[in-house]
Amino acid sequence: MLKRCARLVGLALMVCVAASPAHAQATGYVTASFAKAGLVIGAGGGRGVLTYRGRNYPFRISGVSLGVTIGASAMRLTGRAQNIRDVADFEGAYNAVGGGGAFVGGVGVVQLTNEKGVMITLQGPKAGMEFAANLSALRISLR
């Protein structure tokens, strides 16, 4: 009887351990290149790679911003994407709050959130002549 109970408990633990990773939230790592230009209203686009659960997923970014935007810049950003249950959660419309400045060189920081709860935090060097403090609407689509 004791052996039977031990086997059942062991089997139950193996099922729980095997089932959990497929449904658990995981963190992805993001690298992206983005260029934008504007005067009050800005527009930009770029591409990047999401590394999630050992695989690389290329994606495209496009969007507009409204606020204080003067100039043009190019950024190479890296960071994390959190609260991903499935790679499809990464795609979609994002709202962003960001800021930064560049006079030949500078730093850019942005935090994005989509309707599925995925939060992306990125930072990195920026080149160009720009000052920005704005709200942005971005679309990320997997390629």
N, C-alpha and C. Protein backbone atom coordinates (compact mmCIF):
# COMPACT_ATOMS: atom_id res chain seq x y z
N MET A 1 0.82 -1.19 0.00
CA MET A 1 0.00 0.00 0.00
C MET A 1 0.87 1.26 0.00
N LEU A 2 1.92 1.25 0.81
CA LEU A 2 2.82 2.40 0.90
C LEU A 2 3.53 2.64 -0.44
N LYS A 3 3.95 1.57 -1.11
CA LYS A 3 4.60 1.71 -2.42
C LYS A 3 3.63 2.29 -3.44
N ARG A 4 2.39 1.86 -3.38
CA ARG A 4 1.37 2.36 -4.33
C ARG A 4 1.13 3.86 -4.13
N CYS A 5 1.02 4.28 -2.88
CA CYS A 5 0.85 5.71 -2.58
C CYS A 5 2.05 6.52 -3.05
N ALA A 6 3.26 5.99 -2.82
CA ALA A 6 4.48 6.67 -3.25
C ALA A 6 4.51 6.81 -4.76
N ARG A 7 4.11 5.78 -5.48
CA ARG A 7 4.06 5.86 -6.94
C ARG A 7 3.05 6.90 -7.41
N LEU A 8 1.88 6.92 -6.80
CA LEU A 8 0.85 7.91 -7.17
C LEU A 8 1.33 9.33 -6.92
N VAL A 9 1.96 9.56 -5.77
CA VAL A 9 2.49 10.89 -5.46
C VAL A 9 3.57 11.26 -6.47
N GLY A 10 4.46 10.32 -6.77
CA GLY A 10 5.52 10.57 -7.76
C GLY A 10 4.96 10.88 -9.13
N LEU A 11 3.95 10.12 -9.54
CA LEU A 11 3.31 10.36 -10.83
C LEU A 11 2.63 11.73 -10.86
N ALA A 12 1.96 12.08 -9.78
CA ALA A 12 1.29 13.39 -9.70
C ALA A 12 2.30 14.52 -9.78
N LEU A 13 3.44 14.40 -9.11
CA LEU A 13 4.48 15.42 -9.17
C LEU A 13 5.05 15.56 -10.58
N MET A 14 5.28 14.42 -11.24
CA MET A 14 5.80 14.49 -12.61
C MET A 14 4.81 15.17 -13.55
N VAL A 15 3.53 14.91 -13.41
CA VAL A 15 2.52 15.55 -14.24
C VAL A 15 2.49 17.05 -13.98
N CYS A 16 2.56 17.45 -12.72
CA CYS A 16 2.55 18.88 -12.38
C CYS A 16 3.78 19.59 -12.95
N VAL A 17 4.94 18.98 -12.78
CA VAL A 17 6.17 19.58 -13.29
C VAL A 17 6.16 19.65 -14.81
N ALA A 18 5.69 18.63 -15.47
CA ALA A 18 5.67 18.60 -16.93
C ALA A 18 4.66 19.58 -17.50
N ALA A 19 3.54 19.79 -16.81
CA ALA A 19 2.48 20.67 -17.33
C ALA A 19 2.75 22.13 -17.06
N SER A 20 3.45 22.49 -16.02
CA SER A 20 3.62 23.88 -15.61
C SER A 20 4.35 24.75 -16.61
N PRO A 21 5.50 24.38 -17.17
CA PRO A 21 6.22 25.29 -18.05
C PRO A 21 5.43 25.72 -19.28
N ALA A 22 4.57 24.91 -19.80
CA ALA A 22 3.84 25.26 -21.01
C ALA A 22 2.85 26.40 -20.76
N HIS A 23 2.38 26.53 -19.53
CA HIS A 23 1.38 27.55 -19.24
C HIS A 23 1.92 28.70 -18.40
N ALA A 24 3.13 28.61 -17.93
CA ALA A 24 3.71 29.63 -17.07
C ALA A 24 4.16 30.82 -17.91
N GLN A 25 4.16 31.98 -17.26
CA GLN A 25 4.67 33.17 -17.92
C GLN A 25 6.19 33.08 -17.96
N ALA A 26 6.77 33.59 -19.01
CA ALA A 26 8.22 33.55 -19.15
C ALA A 26 8.71 34.92 -19.62
N THR A 27 9.99 35.15 -19.41
CA THR A 27 10.62 36.39 -19.83
C THR A 27 11.34 36.15 -21.15
N GLY A 28 11.19 37.08 -22.08
CA GLY A 28 11.92 37.04 -23.33
C GLY A 28 12.94 38.17 -23.34
N TYR A 29 13.94 38.06 -24.20
CA TYR A 29 14.96 39.08 -24.33
C TYR A 29 14.85 39.69 -25.71
N VAL A 30 14.93 41.01 -25.78
CA VAL A 30 14.64 41.74 -27.00
C VAL A 30 15.83 42.60 -27.40
N THR A 31 16.17 42.58 -28.69
CA THR A 31 17.09 43.54 -29.29
C THR A 31 16.35 44.18 -30.45
N ALA A 32 16.46 45.49 -30.58
CA ALA A 32 15.73 46.18 -31.64
C ALA A 32 16.52 47.38 -32.15
N SER A 33 16.38 47.66 -33.43
CA SER A 33 16.90 48.87 -34.05
C SER A 33 15.70 49.67 -34.51
N PHE A 34 15.71 50.97 -34.20
CA PHE A 34 14.55 51.81 -34.47
C PHE A 34 15.02 53.19 -34.91
N ALA A 35 14.40 53.72 -35.95
CA ALA A 35 14.71 55.07 -36.42
C ALA A 35 13.42 55.88 -36.40
N LYS A 36 13.53 57.16 -36.01
CA LYS A 36 12.34 58.01 -36.01
C LYS A 36 12.73 59.44 -36.29
N ALA A 37 11.74 60.20 -36.73
CA ALA A 37 11.92 61.62 -37.00
C ALA A 37 10.60 62.32 -36.73
N GLY A 38 10.68 63.60 -36.38
CA GLY A 38 9.44 64.32 -36.17
C GLY A 38 9.62 65.71 -35.63
N LEU A 39 8.52 66.43 -35.66
CA LEU A 39 8.39 67.75 -35.07
C LEU A 39 6.99 67.77 -34.46
N VAL A 40 6.86 67.62 -33.18
CA VAL A 40 5.63 67.45 -32.42
C VAL A 40 5.06 66.05 -32.64
N ILE A 41 4.74 65.70 -33.89
CA ILE A 41 4.29 64.34 -34.19
C ILE A 41 5.46 63.62 -34.86
N GLY A 42 5.78 62.45 -34.35
CA GLY A 42 6.90 61.69 -34.90
C GLY A 42 6.42 60.38 -35.50
N ALA A 43 7.22 59.83 -36.38
CA ALA A 43 6.92 58.52 -36.96
C ALA A 43 8.21 57.74 -37.05
N GLY A 44 8.10 56.43 -36.96
CA GLY A 44 9.31 55.63 -37.03
C GLY A 44 9.01 54.18 -37.30
N GLY A 45 10.07 53.44 -37.47
CA GLY A 45 9.95 52.02 -37.72
C GLY A 45 11.27 51.33 -37.48
N GLY A 46 11.20 50.02 -37.39
CA GLY A 46 12.42 49.27 -37.17
C GLY A 46 12.15 47.78 -37.15
N ARG A 47 13.13 47.06 -36.69
CA ARG A 47 13.03 45.61 -36.61
C ARG A 47 13.83 45.13 -35.43
N GLY A 48 13.55 43.89 -35.04
CA GLY A 48 14.27 43.34 -33.91
C GLY A 48 14.11 41.83 -33.83
N VAL A 49 14.60 41.29 -32.72
CA VAL A 49 14.52 39.85 -32.47
C VAL A 49 14.12 39.64 -31.02
N LEU A 50 13.10 38.81 -30.83
CA LEU A 50 12.69 38.35 -29.52
C LEU A 50 13.31 36.97 -29.32
N THR A 51 14.06 36.79 -28.24
CA THR A 51 14.57 35.48 -27.88
C THR A 51 13.70 34.98 -26.73
N TYR A 52 12.95 33.92 -27.01
CA TYR A 52 11.95 33.43 -26.06
C TYR A 52 12.01 31.90 -26.00
N ARG A 53 12.24 31.39 -24.82
CA ARG A 53 12.34 29.94 -24.59
C ARG A 53 13.29 29.25 -25.56
N GLY A 54 14.46 29.90 -25.75
CA GLY A 54 15.51 29.29 -26.56
C GLY A 54 15.40 29.47 -28.06
N ARG A 55 14.37 30.18 -28.52
CA ARG A 55 14.21 30.39 -29.97
C ARG A 55 14.23 31.88 -30.28
N ASN A 56 14.64 32.23 -31.50
CA ASN A 56 14.66 33.62 -31.95
C ASN A 56 13.47 33.87 -32.87
N TYR A 57 12.76 34.98 -32.62
CA TYR A 57 11.60 35.36 -33.41
C TYR A 57 11.82 36.79 -33.95
N PRO A 58 12.10 36.94 -35.24
CA PRO A 58 12.24 38.27 -35.82
C PRO A 58 10.89 39.00 -35.81
N PHE A 59 10.94 40.33 -35.66
CA PHE A 59 9.72 41.13 -35.68
C PHE A 59 9.98 42.50 -36.29
N ARG A 60 8.89 43.16 -36.65
CA ARG A 60 8.92 44.54 -37.18
C ARG A 60 8.17 45.45 -36.21
N ILE A 61 8.62 46.70 -36.14
CA ILE A 61 7.98 47.72 -35.30
C ILE A 61 7.62 48.90 -36.19
N SER A 62 6.42 49.44 -35.99
CA SER A 62 6.04 50.68 -36.66
C SER A 62 5.20 51.48 -35.68
N GLY A 63 5.24 52.81 -35.81
CA GLY A 63 4.43 53.59 -34.90
C GLY A 63 4.54 55.09 -35.07
N VAL A 64 3.74 55.78 -34.26
CA VAL A 64 3.71 57.24 -34.23
C VAL A 64 3.80 57.70 -32.79
N SER A 65 4.23 58.95 -32.60
CA SER A 65 4.31 59.52 -31.25
C SER A 65 3.75 60.93 -31.27
N LEU A 66 3.25 61.35 -30.12
CA LEU A 66 2.69 62.68 -29.95
C LEU A 66 3.23 63.25 -28.66
N GLY A 67 3.74 64.45 -28.71
CA GLY A 67 4.31 65.09 -27.53
C GLY A 67 5.43 66.00 -27.99
N VAL A 68 6.46 66.08 -27.19
CA VAL A 68 7.62 66.88 -27.54
C VAL A 68 8.58 65.98 -28.32
N THR A 69 8.62 66.15 -29.62
CA THR A 69 9.55 65.41 -30.47
C THR A 69 10.15 66.40 -31.45
N ILE A 70 11.44 66.57 -31.40
CA ILE A 70 12.12 67.48 -32.31
C ILE A 70 13.37 66.78 -32.81
N GLY A 71 13.49 66.58 -34.13
CA GLY A 71 14.70 66.02 -34.70
C GLY A 71 14.53 64.63 -35.25
N ALA A 72 15.65 63.93 -35.37
CA ALA A 72 15.66 62.57 -35.91
C ALA A 72 16.73 61.77 -35.17
N SER A 73 16.49 60.48 -35.03
CA SER A 73 17.47 59.65 -34.34
C SER A 73 17.37 58.20 -34.78
N ALA A 74 18.41 57.46 -34.46
CA ALA A 74 18.43 56.01 -34.66
C ALA A 74 18.87 55.39 -33.35
N MET A 75 18.20 54.32 -32.93
CA MET A 75 18.50 53.70 -31.65
C MET A 75 18.74 52.21 -31.83
N ARG A 76 19.57 51.68 -30.98
CA ARG A 76 19.78 50.23 -30.87
C ARG A 76 19.47 49.90 -29.42
N LEU A 77 18.34 49.24 -29.21
CA LEU A 77 17.84 49.01 -27.86
C LEU A 77 17.88 47.53 -27.48
N THR A 78 18.07 47.27 -26.21
CA THR A 78 18.01 45.91 -25.68
C THR A 78 17.20 45.94 -24.40
N GLY A 79 16.61 44.80 -24.06
CA GLY A 79 15.85 44.74 -22.82
C GLY A 79 15.10 43.44 -22.68
N ARG A 80 14.03 43.50 -21.89
CA ARG A 80 13.23 42.32 -21.56
C ARG A 80 11.78 42.49 -21.94
N ALA A 81 11.15 41.39 -22.26
CA ALA A 81 9.70 41.32 -22.47
C ALA A 81 9.17 40.37 -21.40
N GLN A 82 8.29 40.86 -20.54
CA GLN A 82 7.77 40.06 -19.44
C GLN A 82 6.30 39.74 -19.62
N ASN A 83 5.84 38.74 -18.90
CA ASN A 83 4.43 38.31 -18.87
C ASN A 83 4.00 37.64 -20.17
N ILE A 84 4.90 36.95 -20.84
CA ILE A 84 4.56 36.24 -22.07
C ILE A 84 4.16 34.81 -21.71
N ARG A 85 2.96 34.42 -22.11
CA ARG A 85 2.52 33.03 -21.92
C ARG A 85 2.75 32.22 -23.19
N ASP A 86 2.61 32.88 -24.34
CA ASP A 86 2.79 32.27 -25.64
C ASP A 86 3.43 33.32 -26.54
N VAL A 87 4.25 32.91 -27.50
CA VAL A 87 4.94 33.88 -28.35
C VAL A 87 3.95 34.78 -29.09
N ALA A 88 2.74 34.32 -29.35
CA ALA A 88 1.72 35.14 -30.02
C ALA A 88 1.31 36.33 -29.15
N ASP A 89 1.49 36.25 -27.84
CA ASP A 89 1.17 37.38 -26.94
C ASP A 89 2.06 38.58 -27.23
N PHE A 90 3.24 38.36 -27.81
CA PHE A 90 4.20 39.43 -28.07
C PHE A 90 3.71 40.38 -29.17
N GLU A 91 2.98 39.85 -30.14
CA GLU A 91 2.47 40.66 -31.25
C GLU A 91 1.35 41.57 -30.77
N GLY A 92 1.17 42.69 -31.45
CA GLY A 92 0.01 43.52 -31.18
C GLY A 92 0.34 44.99 -31.06
N ALA A 93 -0.66 45.72 -30.56
CA ALA A 93 -0.55 47.17 -30.38
C ALA A 93 -0.02 47.46 -28.99
N TYR A 94 0.93 48.36 -28.91
CA TYR A 94 1.56 48.75 -27.65
C TYR A 94 1.39 50.24 -27.42
N ASN A 95 1.19 50.61 -26.18
CA ASN A 95 1.26 52.00 -25.75
C ASN A 95 2.61 52.17 -25.09
N ALA A 96 3.24 53.31 -25.33
CA ALA A 96 4.58 53.51 -24.80
C ALA A 96 4.70 54.88 -24.16
N VAL A 97 5.51 54.94 -23.12
CA VAL A 97 5.93 56.19 -22.54
C VAL A 97 7.44 56.15 -22.61
N GLY A 98 8.03 57.16 -23.23
CA GLY A 98 9.47 57.14 -23.38
C GLY A 98 10.04 58.54 -23.44
N GLY A 99 11.34 58.58 -23.40
CA GLY A 99 12.00 59.86 -23.49
C GLY A 99 13.48 59.64 -23.72
N GLY A 100 14.14 60.73 -24.05
CA GLY A 100 15.58 60.65 -24.26
C GLY A 100 16.02 61.82 -25.10
N GLY A 101 17.30 61.92 -25.23
CA GLY A 101 17.83 63.00 -26.02
C GLY A 101 19.12 62.57 -26.70
N ALA A 102 19.42 63.26 -27.78
CA ALA A 102 20.67 62.97 -28.48
C ALA A 102 21.13 64.23 -29.17
N PHE A 103 22.37 64.55 -29.01
CA PHE A 103 23.03 65.56 -29.81
C PHE A 103 24.29 64.87 -30.27
N VAL A 104 24.21 64.22 -31.39
CA VAL A 104 25.19 63.31 -31.96
C VAL A 104 25.08 61.95 -31.26
N GLY A 105 25.07 61.89 -29.94
CA GLY A 105 24.91 60.63 -29.23
C GLY A 105 24.13 60.84 -27.95
N GLY A 106 23.45 59.83 -27.46
CA GLY A 106 22.68 59.94 -26.24
C GLY A 106 22.14 58.59 -25.82
N VAL A 107 21.08 58.62 -25.00
CA VAL A 107 20.50 57.39 -24.47
C VAL A 107 18.99 57.44 -24.68
N GLY A 108 18.41 56.30 -25.03
CA GLY A 108 16.96 56.17 -25.17
C GLY A 108 16.44 55.11 -24.20
N VAL A 109 15.28 55.38 -23.62
CA VAL A 109 14.63 54.45 -22.70
C VAL A 109 13.15 54.43 -23.06
N VAL A 110 12.55 53.23 -23.10
CA VAL A 110 11.13 53.13 -23.42
C VAL A 110 10.54 51.93 -22.68
N GLN A 111 9.29 52.10 -22.25
CA GLN A 111 8.54 51.00 -21.65
C GLN A 111 7.24 50.86 -22.42
N LEU A 112 6.98 49.65 -22.93
CA LEU A 112 5.83 49.36 -23.77
C LEU A 112 4.92 48.35 -23.06
N THR A 113 3.61 48.50 -23.24
CA THR A 113 2.65 47.54 -22.69
C THR A 113 1.57 47.28 -23.73
N ASN A 114 1.21 46.00 -23.93
CA ASN A 114 0.13 45.70 -24.87
C ASN A 114 -1.11 45.21 -24.13
N GLU A 115 -2.16 44.96 -24.89
CA GLU A 115 -3.46 44.56 -24.32
C GLU A 115 -3.44 43.18 -23.70
N LYS A 116 -2.42 42.38 -23.99
CA LYS A 116 -2.32 41.03 -23.42
C LYS A 116 -1.49 41.01 -22.15
N GLY A 117 -1.05 42.20 -21.70
CA GLY A 117 -0.28 42.30 -20.47
C GLY A 117 1.22 42.16 -20.63
N VAL A 118 1.70 42.02 -21.87
CA VAL A 118 3.14 41.92 -22.10
C VAL A 118 3.75 43.30 -21.89
N MET A 119 4.82 43.35 -21.10
CA MET A 119 5.51 44.60 -20.83
C MET A 119 6.95 44.49 -21.33
N ILE A 120 7.35 45.41 -22.19
CA ILE A 120 8.70 45.42 -22.75
C ILE A 120 9.41 46.66 -22.21
N THR A 121 10.58 46.47 -21.65
CA THR A 121 11.41 47.58 -21.17
C THR A 121 12.71 47.54 -21.95
N LEU A 122 13.01 48.64 -22.65
CA LEU A 122 14.18 48.71 -23.52
C LEU A 122 15.01 49.95 -23.20
N GLN A 123 16.31 49.85 -23.41
CA GLN A 123 17.19 51.00 -23.29
C GLN A 123 18.41 50.79 -24.16
N GLY A 124 19.06 51.90 -24.50
CA GLY A 124 20.27 51.77 -25.30
C GLY A 124 20.69 53.08 -25.90
N PRO A 125 21.81 53.05 -26.63
CA PRO A 125 22.35 54.26 -27.23
C PRO A 125 21.52 54.76 -28.40
N LYS A 126 21.57 56.06 -28.59
CA LYS A 126 20.82 56.72 -29.66
C LYS A 126 21.78 57.67 -30.34
N ALA A 127 21.67 57.77 -31.67
CA ALA A 127 22.52 58.68 -32.45
C ALA A 127 21.64 59.60 -33.27
N GLY A 128 22.03 60.84 -33.40
CA GLY A 128 21.27 61.82 -34.18
C GLY A 128 21.13 63.10 -33.38
N MET A 129 20.17 63.92 -33.79
CA MET A 129 19.88 65.16 -33.07
C MET A 129 18.39 65.14 -32.76
N GLU A 130 18.06 64.85 -31.50
CA GLU A 130 16.66 64.75 -31.15
C GLU A 130 16.48 64.93 -29.65
N PHE A 131 15.33 65.49 -29.29
CA PHE A 131 14.86 65.49 -27.91
C PHE A 131 13.44 64.98 -27.96
N ALA A 132 13.09 64.04 -27.08
CA ALA A 132 11.74 63.48 -27.10
C ALA A 132 11.26 63.18 -25.69
N ALA A 133 10.02 63.52 -25.44
CA ALA A 133 9.29 63.13 -24.22
C ALA A 133 7.86 63.01 -24.69
N ASN A 134 7.38 61.79 -24.91
CA ASN A 134 6.10 61.65 -25.58
C ASN A 134 5.39 60.34 -25.26
N LEU A 135 4.16 60.27 -25.74
CA LEU A 135 3.36 59.04 -25.71
C LEU A 135 3.36 58.48 -27.12
N SER A 136 3.50 57.19 -27.23
CA SER A 136 3.58 56.56 -28.55
C SER A 136 2.62 55.39 -28.66
N ALA A 137 2.18 55.15 -29.88
CA ALA A 137 1.40 53.97 -30.21
C ALA A 137 2.22 53.18 -31.22
N LEU A 138 2.58 51.95 -30.87
CA LEU A 138 3.42 51.13 -31.71
C LEU A 138 2.72 49.82 -32.04
N ARG A 139 3.09 49.25 -33.16
CA ARG A 139 2.58 47.93 -33.55
C ARG A 139 3.79 47.04 -33.76
N ILE A 140 3.76 45.87 -33.12
CA ILE A 140 4.80 44.86 -33.31
C ILE A 140 4.17 43.67 -34.01
N SER A 141 4.81 43.24 -35.10
CA SER A 141 4.33 42.06 -35.82
C SER A 141 5.47 41.11 -36.05
N LEU A 142 5.24 39.84 -35.72
CA LEU A 142 6.24 38.82 -35.95
C LEU A 142 6.36 38.56 -37.44
N ARG A 143 7.57 38.30 -37.93
CA ARG A 143 7.78 38.03 -39.35
C ARG A 143 7.76 36.56 -39.61
